[in-house]
Amino acid sequence: MKVRLQIFIDKKVNLRFRKKFVRKKGDLSKFIEELMVKKLKSK
């Protein structure tokens, strides 16, 4: 359930946070992308 929640949050929040964090913290957006890739592969 935690994984599904995280993916759901990432999809919803990613669009908003990407624009903000790309300027402030590009590492975080990359970290989120890595998490999504790992979770997609684990499925």
N, C-alpha and C. Protein backbone atom coordinates (compact mmCIF):
# COMPACT_ATOMS: atom_id res chain seq x y z
N MET A 1 0.84 -1.21 0.00
CA MET A 1 0.00 0.00 0.00
C MET A 1 0.87 1.25 0.00
N LYS A 2 1.98 1.18 0.72
CA LYS A 2 2.87 2.35 0.80
C LYS A 2 3.43 2.69 -0.58
N VAL A 3 3.76 1.64 -1.34
CA VAL A 3 4.33 1.86 -2.68
C VAL A 3 3.29 2.51 -3.59
N ARG A 4 2.06 2.01 -3.54
CA ARG A 4 1.00 2.56 -4.39
C ARG A 4 0.74 4.02 -4.03
N LEU A 5 0.71 4.30 -2.73
CA LEU A 5 0.49 5.68 -2.27
C LEU A 5 1.58 6.58 -2.80
N GLN A 6 2.83 6.13 -2.69
CA GLN A 6 3.97 6.94 -3.11
C GLN A 6 3.89 7.24 -4.60
N ILE A 7 3.55 6.24 -5.40
CA ILE A 7 3.44 6.45 -6.84
C ILE A 7 2.31 7.43 -7.14
N PHE A 8 1.19 7.27 -6.44
CA PHE A 8 0.05 8.17 -6.64
C PHE A 8 0.43 9.60 -6.30
N ILE A 9 1.13 9.77 -5.18
CA ILE A 9 1.59 11.10 -4.76
C ILE A 9 2.56 11.65 -5.79
N ASP A 10 3.49 10.82 -6.24
CA ASP A 10 4.49 11.27 -7.22
C ASP A 10 3.80 11.78 -8.49
N LYS A 11 2.83 11.03 -8.97
CA LYS A 11 2.16 11.42 -10.22
C LYS A 11 1.43 12.75 -10.04
N LYS A 12 0.75 12.91 -8.89
CA LYS A 12 -0.02 14.13 -8.64
C LYS A 12 0.90 15.31 -8.37
N VAL A 13 1.87 15.08 -7.50
CA VAL A 13 2.72 16.18 -7.02
C VAL A 13 3.86 16.48 -7.97
N ASN A 14 4.27 15.47 -8.73
CA ASN A 14 5.44 15.62 -9.60
C ASN A 14 5.28 16.81 -10.54
N LEU A 15 4.09 16.95 -11.13
CA LEU A 15 3.86 18.04 -12.08
C LEU A 15 4.07 19.39 -11.42
N ARG A 16 3.59 19.53 -10.18
CA ARG A 16 3.73 20.81 -9.48
C ARG A 16 5.17 21.01 -9.02
N PHE A 17 5.71 19.98 -8.37
CA PHE A 17 7.03 20.13 -7.73
C PHE A 17 8.16 20.18 -8.74
N ARG A 18 7.99 19.51 -9.87
CA ARG A 18 9.06 19.52 -10.88
C ARG A 18 9.41 20.95 -11.25
N LYS A 19 8.40 21.75 -11.53
CA LYS A 19 8.65 23.14 -11.94
C LYS A 19 9.37 23.91 -10.85
N LYS A 20 8.99 23.65 -9.59
CA LYS A 20 9.62 24.38 -8.47
C LYS A 20 10.99 23.81 -8.15
N PHE A 21 11.07 22.48 -8.09
CA PHE A 21 12.31 21.84 -7.62
C PHE A 21 13.39 21.78 -8.68
N VAL A 22 12.99 21.84 -9.95
CA VAL A 22 14.02 21.84 -11.00
C VAL A 22 14.92 23.06 -10.81
N ARG A 23 14.32 24.15 -10.38
CA ARG A 23 15.11 25.37 -10.14
C ARG A 23 15.87 25.26 -8.83
N LYS A 24 15.15 24.86 -7.77
CA LYS A 24 15.76 24.83 -6.44
C LYS A 24 16.56 23.54 -6.22
N LYS A 25 15.88 22.40 -6.43
CA LYS A 25 16.54 21.12 -6.13
C LYS A 25 16.31 20.13 -7.27
N GLY A 26 17.19 20.16 -8.26
CA GLY A 26 17.07 19.23 -9.38
C GLY A 26 17.29 17.80 -8.94
N ASP A 27 18.09 17.62 -7.85
CA ASP A 27 18.38 16.27 -7.36
C ASP A 27 17.11 15.57 -6.92
N LEU A 28 16.19 16.32 -6.32
CA LEU A 28 14.97 15.71 -5.80
C LEU A 28 14.12 15.14 -6.94
N SER A 29 14.00 15.90 -8.02
CA SER A 29 13.21 15.43 -9.17
C SER A 29 13.84 14.16 -9.73
N LYS A 30 15.17 14.13 -9.78
CA LYS A 30 15.87 12.93 -10.27
C LYS A 30 15.61 11.77 -9.33
N PHE A 31 15.62 12.05 -8.01
CA PHE A 31 15.38 11.02 -7.00
C PHE A 31 13.98 10.43 -7.17
N ILE A 32 13.00 11.30 -7.42
CA ILE A 32 11.62 10.84 -7.62
C ILE A 32 11.54 9.96 -8.86
N GLU A 33 12.20 10.39 -9.93
CA GLU A 33 12.18 9.61 -11.17
C GLU A 33 12.79 8.24 -10.94
N GLU A 34 13.89 8.18 -10.19
CA GLU A 34 14.54 6.90 -9.91
C GLU A 34 13.61 5.99 -9.12
N LEU A 35 12.90 6.57 -8.15
CA LEU A 35 11.96 5.78 -7.34
C LEU A 35 10.86 5.20 -8.24
N MET A 36 10.32 6.02 -9.12
CA MET A 36 9.25 5.56 -10.01
C MET A 36 9.76 4.45 -10.92
N VAL A 37 10.98 4.61 -11.45
CA VAL A 37 11.55 3.61 -12.35
C VAL A 37 11.72 2.29 -11.61
N LYS A 38 12.24 2.35 -10.37
CA LYS A 38 12.46 1.13 -9.59
C LYS A 38 11.13 0.45 -9.30
N LYS A 39 10.10 1.22 -8.96
CA LYS A 39 8.81 0.64 -8.61
C LYS A 39 8.15 0.04 -9.85
N LEU A 40 8.32 0.69 -11.00
CA LEU A 40 7.76 0.15 -12.24
C LEU A 40 8.44 -1.17 -12.58
N LYS A 41 9.76 -1.24 -12.37
CA LYS A 41 10.51 -2.47 -12.67
C LYS A 41 10.13 -3.57 -11.69
N SER A 42 9.93 -3.21 -10.41
CA SER A 42 9.61 -4.21 -9.39
C SER A 42 8.26 -4.86 -9.68
N LYS A 43 7.36 -4.12 -10.34
CA LYS A 43 6.06 -4.69 -10.72
C LYS A 43 6.28 -5.75 -11.79
